[in-house]
Amino acid sequence: MASIKDVAHHAGVSVATVSRVLNDHPSVRADTRDRVLSAVAELGYRPNAVARSLRTDQTRTLGLVISDVLNPFFTELARSVEDEARALGYSVIIGNADERPDLQDHHVRSLMDRRIDGLLVSPTDGGSPLMLDAARSGTPMVFVDRWIGGVDVPVVRTDGRGAVRDLVAHLHALGHRRLAIISGPAATTTGRERVQAFRSALAEFGMALPADHMGQGDFQADSGRRVTARFLDLPEPPDVIFATDNLMVLGAMDEIRARGLRVPDDVALAAFDDVPWFVHTDPPITAIAQPTGELGRAAVRALIDLVEGRTAESVILSARLVTRRSCGEPEGSKP
C-alpha cells in the first residue's frame, strides 16, 4: 500500500506539500495540486483518517441516529444522507434506535466517543437528558424529521399539515364521514403534529373525531393491527382508517383481511409516508408522500455547514397527497 512518502516522491514534492494538498490548504499552487492529486490517483493512496484527525481535529465522519431502520421512510432517509455526505467528502456511521430511547442514548454516546464531527438525529421521544446535554454541549447537531422543542439546533423536516388537509378534503368528496386515525407516540413531534392536523381538517369540513375513533400506535405494524381491531369491533366502525405511518397501515390491512373484509369496500385505508411499493398492493394505497431524499440531503448540508464553521438554518419542506384506490377512488383515477 502506498504511503504519503511514496506520493511525495512520485509528485516531486515534499511530504508537507502532499499534506497541504490533502487538507485543501489554499497556499498550494494549482499545478502542484494537480501533480499531487495525479500521484494519489496513480498510486491508489488513501490517507489514514484517524491519523489525519489527530492533526486536524476532524474525522470527516458524521453520525446518524434514526428511529427505525426497518421503516422504509428511514431506510430511504439514511440512503440519501450517506449519498450526500459521501459527495461532500464525509463518511456516515448509522445507529438504529428501534423507537427506543435507551438505544437512542446508547448510539449517541457511542458516536460522541468516536469523535464524530457532527450528529444527525431523528429523536424517538421528547428528549432524554443525554440527548439534551449533547444538543447543548456545542457538538454540531441537526434534527431531521422529528425534533425536540426548546432545543436550539437546526431542524430539517416536512410540514404535513397541508397534505393532511388535502387528504381529508379528498375523503369528504368521496362521501366518507366517519374517519378514524392511528397516531404515532404522543412523545414524538410527528405523532402529535399529524393528529392535530387531522383534527383541524375534520373540523374544517364539519366532521368530528370521537375518542373511540382515535388510537395510538408506535409506528410499528403490530400496533396498527391492534388499533384497527378495536376500530372494527365498534358498533359503528369508521368508514376510513388513516394510519400515520407506512408500517401501521400494513398492520391495519392485515387485520382487515384476517376478518374477511375488503379495502375499500368494507373500510377504506390511507397512510402518511408513501413508499414505492404502495402502488403494488391490492388496492394501491392512497398516501401522503414526504420528499425523503431531499430531507436527507438538506440535513447533511445543514450539518456540514455547522461542522465547517458556517451558520445553518432550519429547513421545512412540504408533503403532498398521492391518491390511488384504497379509499374508493374511481377505477383509473390518476394520482
C-alpha atoms as a PDB file:
ATOM      1  CA  MET A   1       0.000   0.000   0.000  1.00  0.00           C
ATOM      2  CA  ALA A   2       1.369   3.404  -0.969  1.00  0.00           C
ATOM      3  CA  SER A   3       2.455   5.835   1.757  1.00  0.00           C
ATOM      4  CA  ILE A   4       2.444   9.608   1.833  1.00  0.00           C
ATOM      5  CA  LYS A   5       6.211   9.492   1.228  1.00  0.00           C
ATOM      6  CA  ASP A   6       5.626   7.499  -1.963  1.00  0.00           C
ATOM      7  CA  VAL A   7       3.163  10.146  -3.169  1.00  0.00           C
ATOM      8  CA  ALA A   8       5.647  12.932  -2.384  1.00  0.00           C
ATOM      9  CA  HIS A   9       8.444  11.151  -4.277  1.00  0.00           C
ATOM     10  CA  HIS A  10       6.177  10.390  -7.247  1.00  0.00           C
ATOM     11  CA  ALA A  11       4.994  14.019  -7.477  1.00  0.00           C
ATOM     12  CA  GLY A  12       8.450  15.505  -6.820  1.00  0.00           C
ATOM     13  CA  VAL A  13       7.338  17.475  -3.766  1.00  0.00           C
ATOM     14  CA  SER A  14       7.773  17.342  -0.008  1.00  0.00           C
ATOM     15  CA  VAL A  15       5.617  15.309   2.371  1.00  0.00           C
ATOM     16  CA  ALA A  16       4.404  18.612   3.855  1.00  0.00           C
ATOM     17  CA  THR A  17       3.174  19.733   0.430  1.00  0.00           C
ATOM     18  CA  VAL A  18       1.231  16.497  -0.040  1.00  0.00           C
ATOM     19  CA  SER A  19      -0.346  17.022   3.384  1.00  0.00           C
ATOM     20  CA  ARG A  20      -1.347  20.575   2.482  1.00  0.00           C
ATOM     21  CA  VAL A  21      -2.966  19.381  -0.760  1.00  0.00           C
ATOM     22  CA  LEU A  22      -4.907  16.628   1.022  1.00  0.00           C
ATOM     23  CA  ASN A  23      -6.155  19.137   3.578  1.00  0.00           C
ATOM     24  CA  ASP A  24      -7.161  21.717   0.923  1.00  0.00           C
ATOM     25  CA  HIS A  25      -4.683  24.340   2.102  1.00  0.00           C
ATOM     26  CA  PRO A  26      -5.060  27.461  -0.086  1.00  0.00           C
ATOM     27  CA  SER A  27      -1.316  28.160  -0.285  1.00  0.00           C
ATOM     28  CA  VAL A  28      -0.604  25.338  -2.778  1.00  0.00           C
ATOM     29  CA  ARG A  29      -0.214  26.355  -6.449  1.00  0.00           C
ATOM     30  CA  ALA A  30      -2.709  24.845  -8.894  1.00  0.00           C
ATOM     31  CA  ASP A  31      -0.099  22.974 -10.942  1.00  0.00           C
ATOM     32  CA  THR A  32       1.422  21.471  -7.789  1.00  0.00           C
ATOM     33  CA  ARG A  33      -2.008  20.450  -6.527  1.00  0.00           C
ATOM     34  CA  ASP A  34      -2.761  18.727  -9.851  1.00  0.00           C
ATOM     35  CA  ARG A  35       0.564  16.871  -9.728  1.00  0.00           C
ATOM     36  CA  VAL A  36      -0.058  15.623  -6.192  1.00  0.00           C
ATOM     37  CA  LEU A  37      -3.631  14.540  -6.921  1.00  0.00           C
ATOM     38  CA  SER A  38      -2.453  12.682 -10.021  1.00  0.00           C
ATOM     39  CA  ALA A  39       0.137  10.848  -7.917  1.00  0.00           C
ATOM     40  CA  VAL A  40      -2.533   9.982  -5.327  1.00  0.00           C
ATOM     41  CA  ALA A  41      -4.738   8.518  -8.045  1.00  0.00           C
ATOM     42  CA  GLU A  42      -1.958   6.608  -9.805  1.00  0.00           C
ATOM     43  CA  LEU A  43      -0.636   5.055  -6.580  1.00  0.00           C
ATOM     44  CA  GLY A  44      -4.060   4.432  -5.057  1.00  0.00           C
ATOM     45  CA  TYR A  45      -3.035   6.265  -1.899  1.00  0.00           C
ATOM     46  CA  ARG A  46      -5.630   6.506   0.870  1.00  0.00           C
ATOM     47  CA  PRO A  47      -4.981   8.951   3.718  1.00  0.00           C
ATOM     48  CA  ASN A  48      -5.264   7.500   7.194  1.00  0.00           C
ATOM     49  CA  ALA A  49      -8.431   9.140   8.516  1.00  0.00           C
ATOM     50  CA  VAL A  50      -7.533   8.505  12.169  1.00  0.00           C
ATOM     51  CA  ALA A  51      -4.050   9.964  11.851  1.00  0.00           C
ATOM     52  CA  ARG A  52      -5.382  12.934   9.928  1.00  0.00           C
ATOM     53  CA  SER A  53      -7.997  13.569  12.609  1.00  0.00           C
ATOM     54  CA  LEU A  54      -5.255  13.848  15.244  1.00  0.00           C
ATOM     55  CA  ARG A  55      -3.669  16.653  13.205  1.00  0.00           C
ATOM     56  CA  THR A  56      -6.790  18.489  12.074  1.00  0.00           C
ATOM     57  CA  ASP A  57      -9.157  17.667  14.972  1.00  0.00           C
ATOM     58  CA  GLN A  58     -11.625  16.425  12.361  1.00  0.00           C
ATOM     59  CA  THR A  59     -12.522  12.888  11.340  1.00  0.00           C
ATOM     60  CA  ARG A  60     -14.748  13.850   8.393  1.00  0.00           C
ATOM     61  CA  THR A  61     -17.259  11.430   9.879  1.00  0.00           C
ATOM     62  CA  LEU A  62     -20.883  12.172  10.701  1.00  0.00           C
ATOM     63  CA  GLY A  63     -23.217  10.222  12.969  1.00  0.00           C
ATOM     64  CA  LEU A  64     -26.823   9.431  12.067  1.00  0.00           C
ATOM     65  CA  VAL A  65     -29.255   8.063  14.661  1.00  0.00           C
ATOM     66  CA  ILE A  66     -32.545   7.033  13.072  1.00  0.00           C
ATOM     67  CA  SER A  67     -35.683   5.835  14.787  1.00  0.00           C
ATOM     68  CA  ASP A  68     -36.230   2.533  12.954  1.00  0.00           C
ATOM     69  CA  VAL A  69     -34.044   1.160  10.168  1.00  0.00           C
ATOM     70  CA  LEU A  70     -36.804  -1.291   9.137  1.00  0.00           C
ATOM     71  CA  ASN A  71     -39.195   1.569   8.419  1.00  0.00           C
ATOM     72  CA  PRO A  72     -38.912   2.281   4.668  1.00  0.00           C
ATOM     73  CA  PHE A  73     -39.037   6.030   5.308  1.00  0.00           C
ATOM     74  CA  PHE A  74     -35.923   5.907   7.476  1.00  0.00           C
ATOM     75  CA  THR A  75     -34.195   3.450   5.146  1.00  0.00           C
ATOM     76  CA  GLU A  76     -34.574   5.914   2.280  1.00  0.00           C
ATOM     77  CA  LEU A  77     -33.565   8.794   4.545  1.00  0.00           C
ATOM     78  CA  ALA A  78     -30.361   7.006   5.584  1.00  0.00           C
ATOM     79  CA  ARG A  79     -29.520   6.260   1.955  1.00  0.00           C
ATOM     80  CA  SER A  80     -29.868   9.913   0.945  1.00  0.00           C
ATOM     81  CA  VAL A  81     -27.791  11.020   3.957  1.00  0.00           C
ATOM     82  CA  GLU A  82     -24.979   8.629   3.028  1.00  0.00           C
ATOM     83  CA  ASP A  83     -25.039   9.644  -0.637  1.00  0.00           C
ATOM     84  CA  GLU A  84     -24.913  13.375   0.091  1.00  0.00           C
ATOM     85  CA  ALA A  85     -22.258  13.027   2.785  1.00  0.00           C
ATOM     86  CA  ARG A  86     -20.049  10.947   0.507  1.00  0.00           C
ATOM     87  CA  ALA A  87     -20.403  13.509  -2.283  1.00  0.00           C
ATOM     88  CA  LEU A  88     -19.193  16.179   0.141  1.00  0.00           C
ATOM     89  CA  GLY A  89     -16.239  14.140   1.405  1.00  0.00           C
ATOM     90  CA  TYR A  90     -17.692  12.717   4.622  1.00  0.00           C
ATOM     91  CA  SER A  91     -18.452   9.214   5.886  1.00  0.00           C
ATOM     92  CA  VAL A  92     -21.509   8.274   7.966  1.00  0.00           C
ATOM     93  CA  ILE A  93     -21.900   5.919  10.918  1.00  0.00           C
ATOM     94  CA  ILE A  94     -25.528   4.870  11.445  1.00  0.00           C
ATOM     95  CA  GLY A  95     -27.222   3.861  14.695  1.00  0.00           C
ATOM     96  CA  ASN A  96     -30.711   2.323  14.781  1.00  0.00           C
ATOM     97  CA  ALA A  97     -32.723   3.341  17.861  1.00  0.00           C
ATOM     98  CA  ASP A  98     -35.599   0.938  17.046  1.00  0.00           C
ATOM     99  CA  GLU A  99     -38.015   3.538  18.533  1.00  0.00           C
ATOM    100  CA  ARG A 100     -36.353   3.005  21.943  1.00  0.00           C
ATOM    101  CA  PRO A 101     -34.965   5.986  23.910  1.00  0.00           C
ATOM    102  CA  ASP A 102     -32.400   3.764  25.665  1.00  0.00           C
ATOM    103  CA  LEU A 103     -30.976   2.566  22.342  1.00  0.00           C
ATOM    104  CA  GLN A 104     -31.011   6.119  21.038  1.00  0.00           C
ATOM    105  CA  ASP A 105     -28.889   7.193  24.033  1.00  0.00           C
ATOM    106  CA  HIS A 106     -26.545   4.254  23.519  1.00  0.00           C
ATOM    107  CA  HIS A 107     -25.885   5.279  19.926  1.00  0.00           C
ATOM    108  CA  VAL A 108     -25.491   8.971  20.750  1.00  0.00           C
ATOM    109  CA  ARG A 109     -22.975   8.127  23.483  1.00  0.00           C
ATOM    110  CA  SER A 110     -21.036   5.731  21.241  1.00  0.00           C
ATOM    111  CA  LEU A 111     -20.895   8.190  18.348  1.00  0.00           C
ATOM    112  CA  MET A 112     -19.712  11.025  20.595  1.00  0.00           C
ATOM    113  CA  ASP A 113     -16.967   8.731  21.940  1.00  0.00           C
ATOM    114  CA  ARG A 114     -15.830   8.074  18.350  1.00  0.00           C
ATOM    115  CA  ARG A 115     -15.106  11.795  17.872  1.00  0.00           C
ATOM    116  CA  ILE A 116     -17.542  12.299  15.039  1.00  0.00           C
ATOM    117  CA  ASP A 117     -17.614  15.809  13.585  1.00  0.00           C
ATOM    118  CA  GLY A 118     -21.386  16.195  13.830  1.00  0.00           C
ATOM    119  CA  LEU A 119     -24.606  14.360  14.591  1.00  0.00           C
ATOM    120  CA  LEU A 120     -27.921  13.935  12.767  1.00  0.00           C
ATOM    121  CA  VAL A 121     -30.755  12.643  14.949  1.00  0.00           C
ATOM    122  CA  SER A 122     -34.415  11.780  14.475  1.00  0.00           C
ATOM    123  CA  PRO A 123     -35.425  11.706  18.159  1.00  0.00           C
ATOM    124  CA  THR A 124     -37.521   8.805  19.438  1.00  0.00           C
ATOM    125  CA  ASP A 125     -39.102  10.876  22.213  1.00  0.00           C
ATOM    126  CA  GLY A 126     -39.184  14.322  23.782  1.00  0.00           C
ATOM    127  CA  GLY A 127     -35.524  14.187  24.683  1.00  0.00           C
ATOM    128  CA  SER A 128     -33.552  12.203  27.247  1.00  0.00           C
ATOM    129  CA  PRO A 129     -31.070  14.070  29.492  1.00  0.00           C
ATOM    130  CA  LEU A 130     -28.205  12.660  27.426  1.00  0.00           C
ATOM    131  CA  MET A 131     -29.748  13.886  24.174  1.00  0.00           C
ATOM    132  CA  LEU A 132     -30.390  17.323  25.632  1.00  0.00           C
ATOM    133  CA  ASP A 133     -26.847  17.533  27.018  1.00  0.00           C
ATOM    134  CA  ALA A 134     -25.399  16.542  23.637  1.00  0.00           C
ATOM    135  CA  ALA A 135     -27.505  19.142  21.841  1.00  0.00           C
ATOM    136  CA  ARG A 136     -26.482  21.874  24.276  1.00  0.00           C
ATOM    137  CA  SER A 137     -22.811  20.912  24.520  1.00  0.00           C
ATOM    138  CA  GLY A 138     -21.822  22.678  21.329  1.00  0.00           C
ATOM    139  CA  THR A 139     -21.500  19.483  19.301  1.00  0.00           C
ATOM    140  CA  PRO A 140     -22.710  20.272  15.752  1.00  0.00           C
ATOM    141  CA  MET A 141     -26.164  18.714  15.609  1.00  0.00           C
ATOM    142  CA  VAL A 142     -29.200  18.766  13.336  1.00  0.00           C
ATOM    143  CA  PHE A 143     -32.591  17.193  13.968  1.00  0.00           C
ATOM    144  CA  VAL A 144     -34.177  15.522  10.940  1.00  0.00           C
ATOM    145  CA  ASP A 145     -37.877  14.628  10.534  1.00  0.00           C
ATOM    146  CA  ARG A 146     -38.564  14.862  14.287  1.00  0.00           C
ATOM    147  CA  TRP A 147     -37.295  17.430  16.737  1.00  0.00           C
ATOM    148  CA  ILE A 148     -37.179  18.358  20.433  1.00  0.00           C
ATOM    149  CA  GLY A 149     -38.946  21.545  21.437  1.00  0.00           C
ATOM    150  CA  GLY A 150     -36.852  24.166  23.191  1.00  0.00           C
ATOM    151  CA  VAL A 151     -33.510  22.863  21.898  1.00  0.00           C
ATOM    152  CA  ASP A 152     -31.731  25.420  19.754  1.00  0.00           C
ATOM    153  CA  VAL A 153     -30.431  23.319  16.856  1.00  0.00           C
ATOM    154  CA  PRO A 154     -31.479  23.424  13.184  1.00  0.00           C
ATOM    155  CA  VAL A 155     -34.390  21.186  12.220  1.00  0.00           C
ATOM    156  CA  VAL A 156     -34.909  19.719   8.740  1.00  0.00           C
ATOM    157  CA  ARG A 157     -38.439  18.413   8.477  1.00  0.00           C
ATOM    158  CA  THR A 158     -41.603  18.137   6.446  1.00  0.00           C
ATOM    159  CA  ASP A 159     -44.719  20.168   7.144  1.00  0.00           C
ATOM    160  CA  GLY A 160     -47.514  17.679   6.512  1.00  0.00           C
ATOM    161  CA  ARG A 161     -50.453  19.818   7.598  1.00  0.00           C
ATOM    162  CA  GLY A 162     -51.438  20.923   4.102  1.00  0.00           C
ATOM    163  CA  ALA A 163     -51.289  17.367   2.774  1.00  0.00           C
ATOM    164  CA  VAL A 164     -53.382  16.057   5.679  1.00  0.00           C
ATOM    165  CA  ARG A 165     -55.945  18.745   4.928  1.00  0.00           C
ATOM    166  CA  ASP A 166     -55.912  17.667   1.267  1.00  0.00           C
ATOM    167  CA  LEU A 167     -56.484  14.063   2.344  1.00  0.00           C
ATOM    168  CA  VAL A 168     -59.496  14.954   4.484  1.00  0.00           C
ATOM    169  CA  ALA A 169     -60.932  17.065   1.645  1.00  0.00           C
ATOM    170  CA  HIS A 170     -60.428  14.112  -0.710  1.00  0.00           C
ATOM    171  CA  LEU A 171     -62.166  11.701   1.678  1.00  0.00           C
ATOM    172  CA  HIS A 172     -65.037  14.119   2.227  1.00  0.00           C
ATOM    173  CA  ALA A 173     -65.519  14.478  -1.537  1.00  0.00           C
ATOM    174  CA  LEU A 174     -65.712  10.670  -1.814  1.00  0.00           C
ATOM    175  CA  GLY A 175     -68.582  10.672   0.688  1.00  0.00           C
ATOM    176  CA  HIS A 176     -66.723   9.434   3.781  1.00  0.00           C
ATOM    177  CA  ARG A 177     -67.877  10.925   7.071  1.00  0.00           C
ATOM    178  CA  ARG A 178     -66.682   8.566   9.839  1.00  0.00           C
ATOM    179  CA  LEU A 179     -62.898   8.913   9.860  1.00  0.00           C
ATOM    180  CA  ALA A 180     -60.525   7.310  12.361  1.00  0.00           C
ATOM    181  CA  ILE A 181     -56.807   7.786  12.955  1.00  0.00           C
ATOM    182  CA  ILE A 182     -53.965   5.566  14.155  1.00  0.00           C
ATOM    183  CA  SER A 183     -51.480   8.038  15.596  1.00  0.00           C
ATOM    184  CA  GLY A 184     -47.832   7.654  16.463  1.00  0.00           C
ATOM    185  CA  PRO A 185     -46.454   8.057  20.002  1.00  0.00           C
ATOM    186  CA  ALA A 186     -47.544  11.303  21.639  1.00  0.00           C
ATOM    187  CA  ALA A 187     -43.936  11.805  22.803  1.00  0.00           C
ATOM    188  CA  THR A 188     -42.838  12.405  19.202  1.00  0.00           C
ATOM    189  CA  THR A 189     -43.389  15.687  17.424  1.00  0.00           C
ATOM    190  CA  THR A 190     -44.559  13.923  14.266  1.00  0.00           C
ATOM    191  CA  GLY A 191     -47.047  11.860  16.283  1.00  0.00           C
ATOM    192  CA  ARG A 192     -48.596  14.976  17.796  1.00  0.00           C
ATOM    193  CA  GLU A 193     -48.483  17.134  14.665  1.00  0.00           C
ATOM    194  CA  ARG A 194     -50.305  14.626  12.447  1.00  0.00           C
ATOM    195  CA  VAL A 195     -53.151  14.174  14.937  1.00  0.00           C
ATOM    196  CA  GLN A 196     -53.524  17.937  15.333  1.00  0.00           C
ATOM    197  CA  ALA A 197     -53.583  18.439  11.562  1.00  0.00           C
ATOM    198  CA  PHE A 198     -56.161  15.677  11.123  1.00  0.00           C
ATOM    199  CA  ARG A 199     -58.412  17.052  13.860  1.00  0.00           C
ATOM    200  CA  SER A 200     -58.226  20.587  12.440  1.00  0.00           C
ATOM    201  CA  ALA A 201     -59.051  19.390   8.920  1.00  0.00           C
ATOM    202  CA  LEU A 202     -62.025  17.376  10.145  1.00  0.00           C
ATOM    203  CA  ALA A 203     -63.388  20.435  11.939  1.00  0.00           C
ATOM    204  CA  GLU A 204     -62.998  22.500   8.778  1.00  0.00           C
ATOM    205  CA  PHE A 205     -65.239  20.036   6.931  1.00  0.00           C
ATOM    206  CA  GLY A 206     -67.770  19.781   9.743  1.00  0.00           C
ATOM    207  CA  MET A 207     -66.713  16.337  10.957  1.00  0.00           C
ATOM    208  CA  ALA A 208     -65.913  15.237  14.493  1.00  0.00           C
ATOM    209  CA  LEU A 209     -63.172  12.973  15.816  1.00  0.00           C
ATOM    210  CA  PRO A 210     -64.767  10.896  18.604  1.00  0.00           C
ATOM    211  CA  ALA A 211     -62.483   9.430  21.229  1.00  0.00           C
ATOM    212  CA  ASP A 212     -63.255   5.893  20.057  1.00  0.00           C
ATOM    213  CA  HIS A 213     -62.034   6.828  16.550  1.00  0.00           C
ATOM    214  CA  MET A 214     -58.562   7.634  17.876  1.00  0.00           C
ATOM    215  CA  GLY A 215     -55.952   5.006  18.639  1.00  0.00           C
ATOM    216  CA  GLN A 216     -52.286   5.420  19.496  1.00  0.00           C
ATOM    217  CA  GLY A 217     -49.713   3.166  17.864  1.00  0.00           C
ATOM    218  CA  ASP A 218     -45.933   3.106  17.992  1.00  0.00           C
ATOM    219  CA  PHE A 219     -45.065   3.395  14.281  1.00  0.00           C
ATOM    220  CA  GLN A 220     -44.849  -0.415  14.105  1.00  0.00           C
ATOM    221  CA  ALA A 221     -47.108  -2.796  12.137  1.00  0.00           C
ATOM    222  CA  ASP A 222     -48.343  -4.719  15.192  1.00  0.00           C
ATOM    223  CA  SER A 223     -49.745  -1.567  16.748  1.00  0.00           C
ATOM    224  CA  GLY A 224     -51.574  -0.732  13.515  1.00  0.00           C
ATOM    225  CA  ARG A 225     -53.221  -4.127  13.586  1.00  0.00           C
ATOM    226  CA  ARG A 226     -54.140  -3.852  17.277  1.00  0.00           C
ATOM    227  CA  VAL A 227     -55.772  -0.418  16.906  1.00  0.00           C
ATOM    228  CA  THR A 228     -57.597  -1.484  13.736  1.00  0.00           C
ATOM    229  CA  ALA A 229     -59.074  -4.480  15.555  1.00  0.00           C
ATOM    230  CA  ARG A 230     -60.512  -2.127  18.156  1.00  0.00           C
ATOM    231  CA  PHE A 231     -61.957   0.149  15.460  1.00  0.00           C
ATOM    232  CA  LEU A 232     -63.596  -2.783  13.649  1.00  0.00           C
ATOM    233  CA  ASP A 233     -65.159  -4.054  16.882  1.00  0.00           C
ATOM    234  CA  LEU A 234     -67.091  -0.814  17.352  1.00  0.00           C
ATOM    235  CA  PRO A 235     -70.895  -0.990  16.908  1.00  0.00           C
ATOM    236  CA  GLU A 236     -70.439   1.525  14.094  1.00  0.00           C
ATOM    237  CA  PRO A 237     -66.920   1.123  12.634  1.00  0.00           C
ATOM    238  CA  PRO A 238     -65.266   4.010  10.774  1.00  0.00           C
ATOM    239  CA  ASP A 239     -65.539   4.450   7.008  1.00  0.00           C
ATOM    240  CA  VAL A 240     -61.825   5.237   6.749  1.00  0.00           C
ATOM    241  CA  ILE A 241     -58.753   4.432   8.831  1.00  0.00           C
ATOM    242  CA  PHE A 242     -55.860   6.864   8.445  1.00  0.00           C
ATOM    243  CA  ALA A 243     -52.582   5.370   9.679  1.00  0.00           C
ATOM    244  CA  THR A 244     -49.902   7.962  10.330  1.00  0.00           C
ATOM    245  CA  ASP A 245     -47.030   5.879   9.038  1.00  0.00           C
ATOM    246  CA  ASN A 246     -46.450   3.201   6.408  1.00  0.00           C
ATOM    247  CA  LEU A 247     -45.870   0.247   8.758  1.00  0.00           C
ATOM    248  CA  MET A 248     -49.021   0.839  10.769  1.00  0.00           C
ATOM    249  CA  VAL A 249     -51.128   0.894   7.594  1.00  0.00           C
ATOM    250  CA  LEU A 250     -49.782  -2.560   6.701  1.00  0.00           C
ATOM    251  CA  GLY A 251     -50.819  -3.820  10.133  1.00  0.00           C
ATOM    252  CA  ALA A 252     -54.253  -2.315   9.551  1.00  0.00           C
ATOM    253  CA  MET A 253     -54.538  -4.070   6.194  1.00  0.00           C
ATOM    254  CA  ASP A 254     -53.540  -7.393   7.781  1.00  0.00           C
ATOM    255  CA  GLU A 255     -56.333  -7.120  10.355  1.00  0.00           C
ATOM    256  CA  ILE A 256     -58.923  -6.123   7.759  1.00  0.00           C
ATOM    257  CA  ARG A 257     -58.051  -9.091   5.560  1.00  0.00           C
ATOM    258  CA  ALA A 258     -57.908 -11.505   8.510  1.00  0.00           C
ATOM    259  CA  ARG A 259     -61.576 -10.709   9.131  1.00  0.00           C
ATOM    260  CA  GLY A 260     -62.533 -11.431   5.546  1.00  0.00           C
ATOM    261  CA  LEU A 261     -63.182  -7.745   4.855  1.00  0.00           C
ATOM    262  CA  ARG A 262     -62.088  -5.837   1.761  1.00  0.00           C
ATOM    263  CA  VAL A 263     -60.414  -2.492   1.167  1.00  0.00           C
ATOM    264  CA  PRO A 264     -62.069  -0.141   0.263  1.00  0.00           C
ATOM    265  CA  ASP A 265     -65.477  -1.879   0.001  1.00  0.00           C
ATOM    266  CA  ASP A 266     -65.807  -2.522   3.738  1.00  0.00           C
ATOM    267  CA  VAL A 267     -63.332   0.005   5.141  1.00  0.00           C
ATOM    268  CA  ALA A 268     -61.022   2.458   3.366  1.00  0.00           C
ATOM    269  CA  LEU A 269     -57.351   2.981   4.201  1.00  0.00           C
ATOM    270  CA  ALA A 270     -54.915   5.869   3.859  1.00  0.00           C
ATOM    271  CA  ALA A 271     -51.381   6.381   5.135  1.00  0.00           C
ATOM    272  CA  PHE A 272     -48.815   9.019   5.968  1.00  0.00           C
ATOM    273  CA  ASP A 273     -45.380   8.243   4.426  1.00  0.00           C
ATOM    274  CA  ASP A 274     -45.730   6.919   0.905  1.00  0.00           C
ATOM    275  CA  VAL A 275     -43.387   4.137  -0.236  1.00  0.00           C
ATOM    276  CA  PRO A 276     -42.741   2.863  -3.785  1.00  0.00           C
ATOM    277  CA  TRP A 277     -44.404  -0.498  -3.224  1.00  0.00           C
ATOM    278  CA  PHE A 278     -47.762   1.030  -2.205  1.00  0.00           C
ATOM    279  CA  VAL A 279     -48.572   1.012  -5.927  1.00  0.00           C
ATOM    280  CA  HIS A 280     -48.274  -2.805  -5.878  1.00  0.00           C
ATOM    281  CA  THR A 281     -50.698  -3.532  -3.031  1.00  0.00           C
ATOM    282  CA  ASP A 282     -54.277  -4.527  -3.797  1.00  0.00           C
ATOM    283  CA  PRO A 283     -55.693  -1.955  -3.919  1.00  0.00           C
ATOM    284  CA  PRO A 284     -52.872   0.596  -4.287  1.00  0.00           C
ATOM    285  CA  ILE A 285     -52.766   2.736  -1.143  1.00  0.00           C
ATOM    286  CA  THR A 286     -53.616   6.427  -1.064  1.00  0.00           C
ATOM    287  CA  ALA A 287     -50.843   8.102   0.911  1.00  0.00           C
ATOM    288  CA  ILE A 288     -49.121  11.324   1.888  1.00  0.00           C
ATOM    289  CA  ALA A 289     -45.629  11.470   0.409  1.00  0.00           C
ATOM    290  CA  GLN A 290     -42.680  13.206   2.017  1.00  0.00           C
ATOM    291  CA  PRO A 291     -39.686  14.448  -0.015  1.00  0.00           C
ATOM    292  CA  THR A 292     -37.500  11.971   1.851  1.00  0.00           C
ATOM    293  CA  GLY A 293     -34.424  12.199  -0.356  1.00  0.00           C
ATOM    294  CA  GLU A 294     -34.335  15.980  -0.151  1.00  0.00           C
ATOM    295  CA  LEU A 295     -34.831  15.803   3.629  1.00  0.00           C
ATOM    296  CA  GLY A 296     -31.682  13.720   3.946  1.00  0.00           C
ATOM    297  CA  ARG A 297     -29.653  15.870   1.580  1.00  0.00           C
ATOM    298  CA  ALA A 298     -30.724  19.124   3.219  1.00  0.00           C
ATOM    299  CA  ALA A 299     -29.950  17.735   6.685  1.00  0.00           C
ATOM    300  CA  VAL A 300     -26.420  16.777   5.638  1.00  0.00           C
ATOM    301  CA  ARG A 301     -25.776  20.183   4.076  1.00  0.00           C
ATOM    302  CA  ALA A 302     -27.002  21.934   7.231  1.00  0.00           C
ATOM    303  CA  LEU A 303     -24.826  19.760   9.471  1.00  0.00           C
ATOM    304  CA  ILE A 304     -21.705  20.244   7.369  1.00  0.00           C
ATOM    305  CA  ASP A 305     -22.286  23.998   7.450  1.00  0.00           C
ATOM    306  CA  LEU A 306     -22.143  23.793  11.250  1.00  0.00           C
ATOM    307  CA  VAL A 307     -19.114  21.472  11.237  1.00  0.00           C
ATOM    308  CA  GLU A 308     -17.200  23.818   8.952  1.00  0.00           C
ATOM    309  CA  GLY A 309     -17.999  26.914  10.967  1.00  0.00           C
ATOM    310  CA  ARG A 310     -20.865  28.374   8.947  1.00  0.00           C
ATOM    311  CA  THR A 311     -24.365  29.167  10.134  1.00  0.00           C
ATOM    312  CA  ALA A 312     -27.192  26.772   9.323  1.00  0.00           C
ATOM    313  CA  GLU A 313     -30.891  27.463   9.169  1.00  0.00           C
ATOM    314  CA  SER A 314     -33.831  25.136   9.707  1.00  0.00           C
ATOM    315  CA  VAL A 315     -35.457  23.778   6.546  1.00  0.00           C
ATOM    316  CA  ILE A 316     -39.164  22.997   6.159  1.00  0.00           C
ATOM    317  CA  LEU A 317     -40.305  21.057   3.098  1.00  0.00           C
ATOM    318  CA  SER A 318     -43.856  20.240   2.003  1.00  0.00           C
ATOM    319  CA  ALA A 319     -45.587  16.867   1.831  1.00  0.00           C
ATOM    320  CA  ARG A 320     -48.129  16.031  -0.876  1.00  0.00           C
ATOM    321  CA  LEU A 321     -51.146  13.779  -1.252  1.00  0.00           C
ATOM    322  CA  VAL A 322     -50.915  10.849  -3.693  1.00  0.00           C
ATOM    323  CA  THR A 323     -54.363   9.437  -4.446  1.00  0.00           C
ATOM    324  CA  ARG A 324     -54.744   5.828  -5.555  1.00  0.00           C
ATOM    325  CA  ARG A 325     -57.653   3.401  -4.942  1.00  0.00           C
ATOM    326  CA  SER A 326     -57.704   2.396  -1.263  1.00  0.00           C
ATOM    327  CA  CYS A 327     -60.319   4.996  -0.365  1.00  0.00           C
ATOM    328  CA  GLY A 328     -62.891   4.178  -3.030  1.00  0.00           C
ATOM    329  CA  GLU A 329     -61.432   6.311  -5.780  1.00  0.00           C
ATOM    330  CA  PRO A 330     -62.867   5.563  -9.242  1.00  0.00           C
ATOM    331  CA  GLU A 331     -61.041   2.924 -11.312  1.00  0.00           C
ATOM    332  CA  GLY A 332     -58.398   4.557 -13.483  1.00  0.00           C
ATOM    333  CA  SER A 333     -58.165   7.735 -11.379  1.00  0.00           C
ATOM    334  CA  LYS A 334     -54.758   9.391 -11.598  1.00  0.00           C
ATOM    335  CA  PRO A 335     -52.536  10.298  -8.625  1.00  0.00           C
END
